[in-house]
């Protein structure tokens, strides 16, 4: 497995929460309607830039505290333009003035596959300019889940795994994943695939080398996700407990999905600790 350099995941994101950014005060004479109009216009321009893959427009209308400079952001945006699930439309369904330099938005996005639940955004006035503040989050997009629409911060230790060079038989599998002596952080496949059923199957092996106690309590969780602007949308998962070896018996599991079509899907892998090694394939037949 080739583990790429940790990516500071950026986000247009579907899911932004309050972040502390120095903000200049708006003019005392500025009315509430002017504040809302200016902030929502900047957010609208940002979302349009994201949909049209206008990288410079995105940089101009946003700030991202996790990036040291615009060069880093620009490189990340180029990758997102290639692998994110396409967004075709958005609607700002609610706007609330927090102060004359901060506005909270509720935004609903339409992808090529589905309509996502309304999601929170924050727009702040920084150095006398309105900016969308970008923080990576994830949302539960599984409509059958009791936690549908729930938003939480994305794990800062997430890394990308490059699976694209390991896939040799697209006719029989959707994707391939692997990990070696890995523990703790989430792994997201940098390769993408498309689904056309409300389920996929996974088959492979997993082993742990330094687990204390019964290995039956050790697990690896395999999830099907998409990404928009660096944030994650979650559609279904399968948790595999214990060790399953390279020969037999390997594990086999079904991941039920909340939709029968997902464009630019990715695999995300996490565990409850230990040094894990394994690999597997994702199938749709």
C-alpha atoms as a PDB file:
ATOM      1  CA  UNK A   1       0.000   0.000   0.000  1.00  0.00           C
ATOM      2  CA  UNK A   2       1.217   3.421  -0.808  1.00  0.00           C
ATOM      3  CA  UNK A   3       0.143   5.896   1.832  1.00  0.00           C
ATOM      4  CA  UNK A   4       0.257   9.389   0.496  1.00  0.00           C
ATOM      5  CA  UNK A   5       1.422  12.378   2.479  1.00  0.00           C
ATOM      6  CA  UNK A   6      -1.170  13.423   5.017  1.00  0.00           C
ATOM      7  CA  UNK A   7      -3.569  15.715   3.289  1.00  0.00           C
ATOM      8  CA  UNK A   8      -4.947  18.705   5.105  1.00  0.00           C
ATOM      9  CA  UNK A   9      -8.417  18.142   3.923  1.00  0.00           C
ATOM     10  CA  UNK A  10      -9.987  21.274   2.643  1.00  0.00           C
ATOM     11  CA  UNK A  11     -13.594  21.906   2.332  1.00  0.00           C
ATOM     12  CA  UNK A  12     -16.009  23.799   0.491  1.00  0.00           C
ATOM     13  CA  UNK A  13     -17.649  21.772   2.520  1.00  0.00           C
ATOM     14  CA  UNK A  14     -20.822  20.508   3.068  1.00  0.00           C
ATOM     15  CA  UNK A  15     -20.451  21.018   6.672  1.00  0.00           C
ATOM     16  CA  UNK A  16     -18.816  23.977   8.237  1.00  0.00           C
ATOM     17  CA  UNK A  17     -18.841  24.822  11.884  1.00  0.00           C
ATOM     18  CA  UNK A  18     -17.746  27.864  13.823  1.00  0.00           C
ATOM     19  CA  UNK A  19     -14.034  28.574  13.702  1.00  0.00           C
ATOM     20  CA  UNK A  20     -12.148  31.347  15.400  1.00  0.00           C
ATOM     21  CA  UNK A  21     -10.843  33.727  12.769  1.00  0.00           C
ATOM     22  CA  UNK A  22      -9.960  37.369  13.372  1.00  0.00           C
ATOM     23  CA  UNK A  23     -12.739  39.478  11.945  1.00  0.00           C
ATOM     24  CA  UNK A  24     -12.983  43.167  11.240  1.00  0.00           C
ATOM     25  CA  UNK A  25     -16.194  44.848  12.310  1.00  0.00           C
ATOM     26  CA  UNK A  26     -18.665  45.986   9.731  1.00  0.00           C
ATOM     27  CA  UNK A  27     -19.686  49.596   9.540  1.00  0.00           C
ATOM     28  CA  UNK A  28     -21.990  50.550  12.435  1.00  0.00           C
ATOM     29  CA  UNK A  29     -24.378  52.066   9.904  1.00  0.00           C
ATOM     30  CA  UNK A  30     -24.731  48.844   7.954  1.00  0.00           C
ATOM     31  CA  UNK A  31     -28.260  47.454   8.154  1.00  0.00           C
ATOM     32  CA  UNK A  32     -29.159  43.845   8.894  1.00  0.00           C
ATOM     33  CA  UNK A  33     -30.443  43.372   5.354  1.00  0.00           C
ATOM     34  CA  UNK A  34     -27.145  44.638   3.933  1.00  0.00           C
ATOM     35  CA  UNK A  35     -25.137  42.249   6.117  1.00  0.00           C
ATOM     36  CA  UNK A  36     -27.199  39.254   5.016  1.00  0.00           C
ATOM     37  CA  UNK A  37     -27.155  40.305   1.374  1.00  0.00           C
ATOM     38  CA  UNK A  38     -23.382  40.774   1.238  1.00  0.00           C
ATOM     39  CA  UNK A  39     -22.590  37.542   3.093  1.00  0.00           C
ATOM     40  CA  UNK A  40     -24.978  35.381   1.092  1.00  0.00           C
ATOM     41  CA  UNK A  41     -23.725  36.858  -2.184  1.00  0.00           C
ATOM     42  CA  UNK A  42     -20.133  35.894  -1.339  1.00  0.00           C
ATOM     43  CA  UNK A  43     -21.277  32.391  -0.339  1.00  0.00           C
ATOM     44  CA  UNK A  44     -23.260  32.096  -3.571  1.00  0.00           C
ATOM     45  CA  UNK A  45     -20.214  33.125  -5.589  1.00  0.00           C
ATOM     46  CA  UNK A  46     -18.099  30.568  -3.736  1.00  0.00           C
ATOM     47  CA  UNK A  47     -20.513  27.681  -4.331  1.00  0.00           C
ATOM     48  CA  UNK A  48     -20.812  28.614  -8.017  1.00  0.00           C
ATOM     49  CA  UNK A  49     -17.014  28.599  -8.270  1.00  0.00           C
ATOM     50  CA  UNK A  50     -16.910  25.161  -6.697  1.00  0.00           C
ATOM     51  CA  UNK A  51     -19.490  23.744  -9.113  1.00  0.00           C
ATOM     52  CA  UNK A  52     -17.733  25.250 -12.143  1.00  0.00           C
ATOM     53  CA  UNK A  53     -14.293  24.132 -10.845  1.00  0.00           C
ATOM     54  CA  UNK A  54     -13.085  27.735 -10.784  1.00  0.00           C
ATOM     55  CA  UNK A  55     -10.113  27.268  -8.474  1.00  0.00           C
ATOM     56  CA  UNK A  56      -9.075  30.920  -8.260  1.00  0.00           C
ATOM     57  CA  UNK A  57     -12.664  31.941  -7.548  1.00  0.00           C
ATOM     58  CA  UNK A  58     -12.795  29.504  -4.647  1.00  0.00           C
ATOM     59  CA  UNK A  59      -9.557  30.831  -3.196  1.00  0.00           C
ATOM     60  CA  UNK A  60     -10.716  34.433  -3.501  1.00  0.00           C
ATOM     61  CA  UNK A  61     -14.030  33.862  -1.709  1.00  0.00           C
ATOM     62  CA  UNK A  62     -12.880  31.647   1.174  1.00  0.00           C
ATOM     63  CA  UNK A  63     -10.372  31.091   3.958  1.00  0.00           C
ATOM     64  CA  UNK A  64      -9.066  27.750   5.225  1.00  0.00           C
ATOM     65  CA  UNK A  65      -7.285  27.845   8.594  1.00  0.00           C
ATOM     66  CA  UNK A  66      -5.728  24.405   8.078  1.00  0.00           C
ATOM     67  CA  UNK A  67      -3.667  25.552   5.081  1.00  0.00           C
ATOM     68  CA  UNK A  68      -0.426  27.487   5.360  1.00  0.00           C
ATOM     69  CA  UNK A  69      -0.833  29.284   2.044  1.00  0.00           C
ATOM     70  CA  UNK A  70      -2.783  29.442  -1.200  1.00  0.00           C
ATOM     71  CA  UNK A  71      -0.264  27.205  -2.976  1.00  0.00           C
ATOM     72  CA  UNK A  72      -1.282  24.313  -0.732  1.00  0.00           C
ATOM     73  CA  UNK A  73      -4.954  25.090  -1.252  1.00  0.00           C
ATOM     74  CA  UNK A  74      -4.548  25.316  -5.004  1.00  0.00           C
ATOM     75  CA  UNK A  75      -2.965  21.844  -5.173  1.00  0.00           C
ATOM     76  CA  UNK A  76      -5.770  20.379  -3.078  1.00  0.00           C
ATOM     77  CA  UNK A  77      -8.464  22.015  -5.226  1.00  0.00           C
ATOM     78  CA  UNK A  78      -6.968  20.516  -8.372  1.00  0.00           C
ATOM     79  CA  UNK A  79      -7.257  17.051  -6.824  1.00  0.00           C
ATOM     80  CA  UNK A  80     -10.815  17.715  -5.650  1.00  0.00           C
ATOM     81  CA  UNK A  81     -11.859  18.803  -9.132  1.00  0.00           C
ATOM     82  CA  UNK A  82     -10.878  15.347 -10.369  1.00  0.00           C
ATOM     83  CA  UNK A  83     -12.256  13.107  -7.616  1.00  0.00           C
ATOM     84  CA  UNK A  84     -15.136  14.861  -5.807  1.00  0.00           C
ATOM     85  CA  UNK A  85     -18.692  13.739  -6.454  1.00  0.00           C
ATOM     86  CA  UNK A  86     -20.129  16.402  -8.794  1.00  0.00           C
ATOM     87  CA  UNK A  87     -22.487  18.992  -7.307  1.00  0.00           C
ATOM     88  CA  UNK A  88     -24.991  20.319  -9.846  1.00  0.00           C
ATOM     89  CA  UNK A  89     -26.972  22.808  -7.756  1.00  0.00           C
ATOM     90  CA  UNK A  90     -27.338  24.377  -4.323  1.00  0.00           C
ATOM     91  CA  UNK A  91     -29.893  26.441  -2.418  1.00  0.00           C
ATOM     92  CA  UNK A  92     -29.347  28.706   0.575  1.00  0.00           C
ATOM     93  CA  UNK A  93     -32.479  27.796   2.529  1.00  0.00           C
ATOM     94  CA  UNK A  94     -31.822  29.948   5.593  1.00  0.00           C
ATOM     95  CA  UNK A  95     -29.522  32.783   6.692  1.00  0.00           C
ATOM     96  CA  UNK A  96     -29.059  34.187  10.186  1.00  0.00           C
ATOM     97  CA  UNK A  97     -27.124  37.295  11.170  1.00  0.00           C
ATOM     98  CA  UNK A  98     -24.985  36.476  14.213  1.00  0.00           C
ATOM     99  CA  UNK A  99     -23.335  39.896  14.200  1.00  0.00           C
ATOM    100  CA  UNK A 100     -22.499  42.586  11.670  1.00  0.00           C
ATOM    101  CA  UNK A 101     -19.393  40.520  10.760  1.00  0.00           C
ATOM    102  CA  UNK A 102     -20.757  36.965  10.922  1.00  0.00           C
ATOM    103  CA  UNK A 103     -23.612  35.140   9.209  1.00  0.00           C
ATOM    104  CA  UNK A 104     -24.696  31.508   9.547  1.00  0.00           C
ATOM    105  CA  UNK A 105     -26.208  29.764   6.521  1.00  0.00           C
ATOM    106  CA  UNK A 106     -28.129  26.574   5.917  1.00  0.00           C
ATOM    107  CA  UNK A 107     -27.349  25.200   2.461  1.00  0.00           C
ATOM    108  CA  UNK A 108     -28.856  22.292   0.552  1.00  0.00           C
ATOM    109  CA  UNK A 109     -26.755  20.665  -2.177  1.00  0.00           C
ATOM    110  CA  UNK A 110     -27.858  18.556  -5.112  1.00  0.00           C
ATOM    111  CA  UNK A 111     -25.286  16.096  -6.463  1.00  0.00           C
ATOM    112  CA  UNK A 112     -25.572  14.104  -9.674  1.00  0.00           C
ATOM    113  CA  UNK A 113     -27.085  11.312  -7.560  1.00  0.00           C
ATOM    114  CA  UNK A 114     -29.136  12.771  -4.726  1.00  0.00           C
ATOM    115  CA  UNK A 115     -30.263  15.783  -2.699  1.00  0.00           C
ATOM    116  CA  UNK A 116     -28.390  16.128   0.582  1.00  0.00           C
ATOM    117  CA  UNK A 117     -29.953  17.447   3.789  1.00  0.00           C
ATOM    118  CA  UNK A 118     -29.519  21.163   4.587  1.00  0.00           C
ATOM    119  CA  UNK A 119     -26.075  21.772   6.042  1.00  0.00           C
ATOM    120  CA  UNK A 120     -24.571  24.580   8.146  1.00  0.00           C
ATOM    121  CA  UNK A 121     -22.108  27.145   6.806  1.00  0.00           C
ATOM    122  CA  UNK A 122     -20.407  30.167   8.316  1.00  0.00           C
ATOM    123  CA  UNK A 123     -19.440  33.384   6.523  1.00  0.00           C
ATOM    124  CA  UNK A 124     -17.253  35.963   8.283  1.00  0.00           C
ATOM    125  CA  UNK A 125     -16.009  39.443   7.547  1.00  0.00           C
ATOM    126  CA  UNK A 126     -12.204  39.307   7.639  1.00  0.00           C
ATOM    127  CA  UNK A 127     -10.078  42.370   6.873  1.00  0.00           C
ATOM    128  CA  UNK A 128     -13.270  44.056   5.706  1.00  0.00           C
ATOM    129  CA  UNK A 129     -14.071  41.294   3.191  1.00  0.00           C
ATOM    130  CA  UNK A 130     -16.687  38.546   3.510  1.00  0.00           C
ATOM    131  CA  UNK A 131     -15.230  35.030   3.308  1.00  0.00           C
ATOM    132  CA  UNK A 132     -16.629  31.511   3.581  1.00  0.00           C
ATOM    133  CA  UNK A 133     -14.744  29.763   6.406  1.00  0.00           C
ATOM    134  CA  UNK A 134     -13.869  26.226   5.318  1.00  0.00           C
ATOM    135  CA  UNK A 135     -13.535  23.411   7.866  1.00  0.00           C
ATOM    136  CA  UNK A 136     -13.787  19.683   6.935  1.00  0.00           C
ATOM    137  CA  UNK A 137     -16.745  17.752   8.353  1.00  0.00           C
ATOM    138  CA  UNK A 138     -18.717  14.650   7.528  1.00  0.00           C
ATOM    139  CA  UNK A 139     -22.458  14.085   7.235  1.00  0.00           C
ATOM    140  CA  UNK A 140     -24.455  10.868   7.505  1.00  0.00           C
ATOM    141  CA  UNK A 141     -26.153  10.606   4.096  1.00  0.00           C
ATOM    142  CA  UNK A 142     -27.731   7.202   4.784  1.00  0.00           C
ATOM    143  CA  UNK A 143     -31.451   7.975   4.626  1.00  0.00           C
ATOM    144  CA  UNK A 144     -32.279   4.761   6.462  1.00  0.00           C
ATOM    145  CA  UNK A 145     -30.103   5.671   9.444  1.00  0.00           C
ATOM    146  CA  UNK A 146     -31.503   7.216  12.647  1.00  0.00           C
ATOM    147  CA  UNK A 147     -28.527   9.589  12.436  1.00  0.00           C
ATOM    148  CA  UNK A 148     -29.367  10.755   8.897  1.00  0.00           C
ATOM    149  CA  UNK A 149     -28.139  14.322   8.453  1.00  0.00           C
ATOM    150  CA  UNK A 150     -25.945  14.246  11.545  1.00  0.00           C
ATOM    151  CA  UNK A 151     -22.800  16.338  11.155  1.00  0.00           C
ATOM    152  CA  UNK A 152     -19.493  15.847  12.950  1.00  0.00           C
ATOM    153  CA  UNK A 153     -15.907  17.078  12.507  1.00  0.00           C
ATOM    154  CA  UNK A 154     -13.704  15.071  10.181  1.00  0.00           C
ATOM    155  CA  UNK A 155     -10.783  13.215  11.741  1.00  0.00           C
ATOM    156  CA  UNK A 156      -7.735  15.477  11.365  1.00  0.00           C
ATOM    157  CA  UNK A 157      -5.471  12.419  11.036  1.00  0.00           C
ATOM    158  CA  UNK A 158      -7.144  11.161   7.870  1.00  0.00           C
ATOM    159  CA  UNK A 159      -4.744   9.963   5.173  1.00  0.00           C
ATOM    160  CA  UNK A 160      -5.284   8.992   1.565  1.00  0.00           C
ATOM    161  CA  UNK A 161      -4.349   5.586   0.200  1.00  0.00           C
ATOM    162  CA  UNK A 162      -3.458   5.367  -3.468  1.00  0.00           C
ATOM    163  CA  UNK A 163      -5.224   2.311  -4.838  1.00  0.00           C
ATOM    164  CA  UNK A 164      -5.425   3.302  -8.483  1.00  0.00           C
ATOM    165  CA  UNK A 165      -2.217   1.549  -9.533  1.00  0.00           C
ATOM    166  CA  UNK A 166      -3.290  -1.725  -7.911  1.00  0.00           C
ATOM    167  CA  UNK A 167      -6.572  -2.219  -9.727  1.00  0.00           C
ATOM    168  CA  UNK A 168      -6.122  -4.739 -12.542  1.00  0.00           C
ATOM    169  CA  UNK A 169      -9.604  -6.052 -13.318  1.00  0.00           C
ATOM    170  CA  UNK A 170     -12.294  -3.369 -13.436  1.00  0.00           C
ATOM    171  CA  UNK A 171     -14.573  -5.818 -15.221  1.00  0.00           C
ATOM    172  CA  UNK A 172     -14.890  -7.933 -12.092  1.00  0.00           C
ATOM    173  CA  UNK A 173     -14.338  -5.446  -9.253  1.00  0.00           C
ATOM    174  CA  UNK A 174     -15.130  -1.840  -8.420  1.00  0.00           C
ATOM    175  CA  UNK A 175     -12.092  -1.066  -6.311  1.00  0.00           C
ATOM    176  CA  UNK A 176      -9.112  -2.438  -4.400  1.00  0.00           C
ATOM    177  CA  UNK A 177      -7.776  -1.358  -0.994  1.00  0.00           C
ATOM    178  CA  UNK A 178      -4.812  -2.314   1.172  1.00  0.00           C
ATOM    179  CA  UNK A 179      -3.035  -1.288   4.378  1.00  0.00           C
ATOM    180  CA  UNK A 180       0.136  -2.386   6.126  1.00  0.00           C
ATOM    181  CA  UNK A 181       1.113  -1.952   9.793  1.00  0.00           C
ATOM    182  CA  UNK A 182      -1.520   0.760  10.104  1.00  0.00           C
ATOM    183  CA  UNK A 183      -3.372   1.966  13.191  1.00  0.00           C
ATOM    184  CA  UNK A 184      -5.300   4.921  14.504  1.00  0.00           C
ATOM    185  CA  UNK A 185      -5.983   7.242  11.614  1.00  0.00           C
ATOM    186  CA  UNK A 186      -8.740   6.913   9.013  1.00  0.00           C
ATOM    187  CA  UNK A 187      -7.710   5.823   5.511  1.00  0.00           C
ATOM    188  CA  UNK A 188      -9.550   7.102   2.432  1.00  0.00           C
ATOM    189  CA  UNK A 189      -8.965   5.633  -1.006  1.00  0.00           C
ATOM    190  CA  UNK A 190      -7.821   8.231  -3.528  1.00  0.00           C
ATOM    191  CA  UNK A 191      -9.281   6.105  -6.320  1.00  0.00           C
ATOM    192  CA  UNK A 192     -12.994   6.470  -7.126  1.00  0.00           C
ATOM    193  CA  UNK A 193     -15.694   4.148  -8.463  1.00  0.00           C
ATOM    194  CA  UNK A 194     -19.386   4.319  -9.400  1.00  0.00           C
ATOM    195  CA  UNK A 195     -22.155   2.120  -7.985  1.00  0.00           C
ATOM    196  CA  UNK A 196     -25.460   1.129  -9.600  1.00  0.00           C
ATOM    197  CA  UNK A 197     -27.039  -1.009  -6.837  1.00  0.00           C
ATOM    198  CA  UNK A 198     -28.133  -0.353  -3.262  1.00  0.00           C
ATOM    199  CA  UNK A 199     -25.331  -2.601  -2.005  1.00  0.00           C
ATOM    200  CA  UNK A 200     -21.716  -3.571  -2.613  1.00  0.00           C
ATOM    201  CA  UNK A 201     -19.778  -6.535  -1.298  1.00  0.00           C
ATOM    202  CA  UNK A 202     -16.278  -6.632   0.158  1.00  0.00           C
ATOM    203  CA  UNK A 203     -13.925  -9.604   0.386  1.00  0.00           C
ATOM    204  CA  UNK A 204     -10.384  -9.755   1.689  1.00  0.00           C
ATOM    205  CA  UNK A 205      -8.163 -10.422   4.689  1.00  0.00           C
ATOM    206  CA  UNK A 206      -7.159  -8.508   7.816  1.00  0.00           C
ATOM    207  CA  UNK A 207      -4.676  -9.303  10.576  1.00  0.00           C
ATOM    208  CA  UNK A 208      -3.418  -7.500  13.687  1.00  0.00           C
ATOM    209  CA  UNK A 209       0.111  -7.850  15.078  1.00  0.00           C
ATOM    210  CA  UNK A 210       0.103  -6.182  18.498  1.00  0.00           C
ATOM    211  CA  UNK A 211      -3.399  -6.590  19.936  1.00  0.00           C
ATOM    212  CA  UNK A 212      -3.632  -7.193  23.695  1.00  0.00           C
ATOM    213  CA  UNK A 213      -6.235  -9.798  24.634  1.00  0.00           C
ATOM    214  CA  UNK A 214      -8.612 -11.659  22.354  1.00  0.00           C
ATOM    215  CA  UNK A 215      -8.345 -10.610  18.722  1.00  0.00           C
ATOM    216  CA  UNK A 216     -12.093 -11.267  18.421  1.00  0.00           C
ATOM    217  CA  UNK A 217     -12.624  -7.775  19.849  1.00  0.00           C
ATOM    218  CA  UNK A 218     -10.392  -6.128  17.237  1.00  0.00           C
ATOM    219  CA  UNK A 219     -12.231  -4.776  14.202  1.00  0.00           C
ATOM    220  CA  UNK A 220     -11.844  -2.880  10.954  1.00  0.00           C
ATOM    221  CA  UNK A 221     -14.723  -0.773   9.636  1.00  0.00           C
ATOM    222  CA  UNK A 222     -15.172  -0.397   5.870  1.00  0.00           C
ATOM    223  CA  UNK A 223     -17.357   2.506   4.713  1.00  0.00           C
ATOM    224  CA  UNK A 224     -18.575   3.778   1.351  1.00  0.00           C
ATOM    225  CA  UNK A 225     -18.313   7.568   1.176  1.00  0.00           C
ATOM    226  CA  UNK A 226     -18.172  10.495  -1.212  1.00  0.00           C
ATOM    227  CA  UNK A 227     -16.371  13.797  -0.818  1.00  0.00           C
ATOM    228  CA  UNK A 228     -17.369  17.337  -1.689  1.00  0.00           C
ATOM    229  CA  UNK A 229     -14.767  20.001  -1.154  1.00  0.00           C
ATOM    230  CA  UNK A 230     -12.913  17.728   1.217  1.00  0.00           C
ATOM    231  CA  UNK A 231     -15.850  16.920   3.468  1.00  0.00           C
ATOM    232  CA  UNK A 232     -17.245  13.406   3.667  1.00  0.00           C
ATOM    233  CA  UNK A 233     -20.729  12.062   2.994  1.00  0.00           C
ATOM    234  CA  UNK A 234     -21.365   8.584   4.440  1.00  0.00           C
ATOM    235  CA  UNK A 235     -23.683   6.029   2.766  1.00  0.00           C
ATOM    236  CA  UNK A 236     -23.119   2.672   4.479  1.00  0.00           C
ATOM    237  CA  UNK A 237     -20.583   0.522   6.350  1.00  0.00           C
ATOM    238  CA  UNK A 238     -19.604  -2.996   7.374  1.00  0.00           C
ATOM    239  CA  UNK A 239     -17.574  -3.797  10.496  1.00  0.00           C
ATOM    240  CA  UNK A 240     -15.433  -6.946  10.303  1.00  0.00           C
ATOM    241  CA  UNK A 241     -14.302  -8.361  13.660  1.00  0.00           C
ATOM    242  CA  UNK A 242     -11.248 -10.524  14.285  1.00  0.00           C
ATOM    243  CA  UNK A 243      -8.503 -11.842  12.049  1.00  0.00           C
ATOM    244  CA  UNK A 244      -9.151 -13.233   8.574  1.00  0.00           C
ATOM    245  CA  UNK A 245      -6.131 -14.618   6.795  1.00  0.00           C
ATOM    246  CA  UNK A 246      -4.694 -14.335   3.296  1.00  0.00           C
ATOM    247  CA  UNK A 247      -5.537 -17.937   2.475  1.00  0.00           C
ATOM    248  CA  UNK A 248      -8.740 -19.031   4.225  1.00  0.00           C
ATOM    249  CA  UNK A 249     -11.068 -18.077   5.642  1.00  0.00           C
ATOM    250  CA  UNK A 250     -11.106 -14.562   4.218  1.00  0.00           C
ATOM    251  CA  UNK A 251     -13.963 -12.279   5.245  1.00  0.00           C
ATOM    252  CA  UNK A 252     -16.958 -11.563   3.042  1.00  0.00           C
ATOM    253  CA  UNK A 253     -19.532  -8.884   3.793  1.00  0.00           C
ATOM    254  CA  UNK A 254     -22.340  -6.834   2.270  1.00  0.00           C
ATOM    255  CA  UNK A 255     -22.438  -3.054   2.665  1.00  0.00           C
ATOM    256  CA  UNK A 256     -26.026  -1.828   2.287  1.00  0.00           C
ATOM    257  CA  UNK A 257     -26.193   1.631   0.735  1.00  0.00           C
ATOM    258  CA  UNK A 258     -28.842   4.325   1.116  1.00  0.00           C
ATOM    259  CA  UNK A 259     -28.969   4.919  -2.641  1.00  0.00           C
ATOM    260  CA  UNK A 260     -28.529   2.694  -5.686  1.00  0.00           C
ATOM    261  CA  UNK A 261     -26.315   5.146  -7.506  1.00  0.00           C
ATOM    262  CA  UNK A 262     -23.173   6.819  -6.167  1.00  0.00           C
ATOM    263  CA  UNK A 263     -20.784   8.696  -8.431  1.00  0.00           C
ATOM    264  CA  UNK A 264     -17.108   8.982  -7.480  1.00  0.00           C
ATOM    265  CA  UNK A 265     -17.523   6.801  -4.411  1.00  0.00           C
ATOM    266  CA  UNK A 266     -14.527   5.998  -2.198  1.00  0.00           C
ATOM    267  CA  UNK A 267     -13.650   3.452   0.473  1.00  0.00           C
ATOM    268  CA  UNK A 268     -12.878   4.679   4.001  1.00  0.00           C
ATOM    269  CA  UNK A 269     -11.192   2.360   6.518  1.00  0.00           C
ATOM    270  CA  UNK A 270     -10.914   2.748  10.292  1.00  0.00           C
ATOM    271  CA  UNK A 271     -10.233   0.475  13.256  1.00  0.00           C
ATOM    272  CA  UNK A 272     -10.261   0.384  17.062  1.00  0.00           C
ATOM    273  CA  UNK A 273      -6.463   0.239  17.275  1.00  0.00           C
ATOM    274  CA  UNK A 274      -3.603  -2.212  16.839  1.00  0.00           C
ATOM    275  CA  UNK A 275      -1.210  -2.561  13.922  1.00  0.00           C
ATOM    276  CA  UNK A 276      -3.385  -3.873  11.131  1.00  0.00           C
ATOM    277  CA  UNK A 277      -2.416  -5.332   7.769  1.00  0.00           C
ATOM    278  CA  UNK A 278      -4.811  -6.364   5.050  1.00  0.00           C
ATOM    279  CA  UNK A 279      -6.300  -5.871   1.621  1.00  0.00           C
ATOM    280  CA  UNK A 280      -9.505  -6.552  -0.235  1.00  0.00           C
ATOM    281  CA  UNK A 281     -11.777  -5.847  -3.174  1.00  0.00           C
ATOM    282  CA  UNK A 282     -15.129  -4.134  -3.600  1.00  0.00           C
ATOM    283  CA  UNK A 283     -17.640  -5.854  -5.884  1.00  0.00           C
ATOM    284  CA  UNK A 284     -21.082  -5.200  -7.298  1.00  0.00           C
ATOM    285  CA  UNK A 285     -21.835  -8.703  -8.541  1.00  0.00           C
END
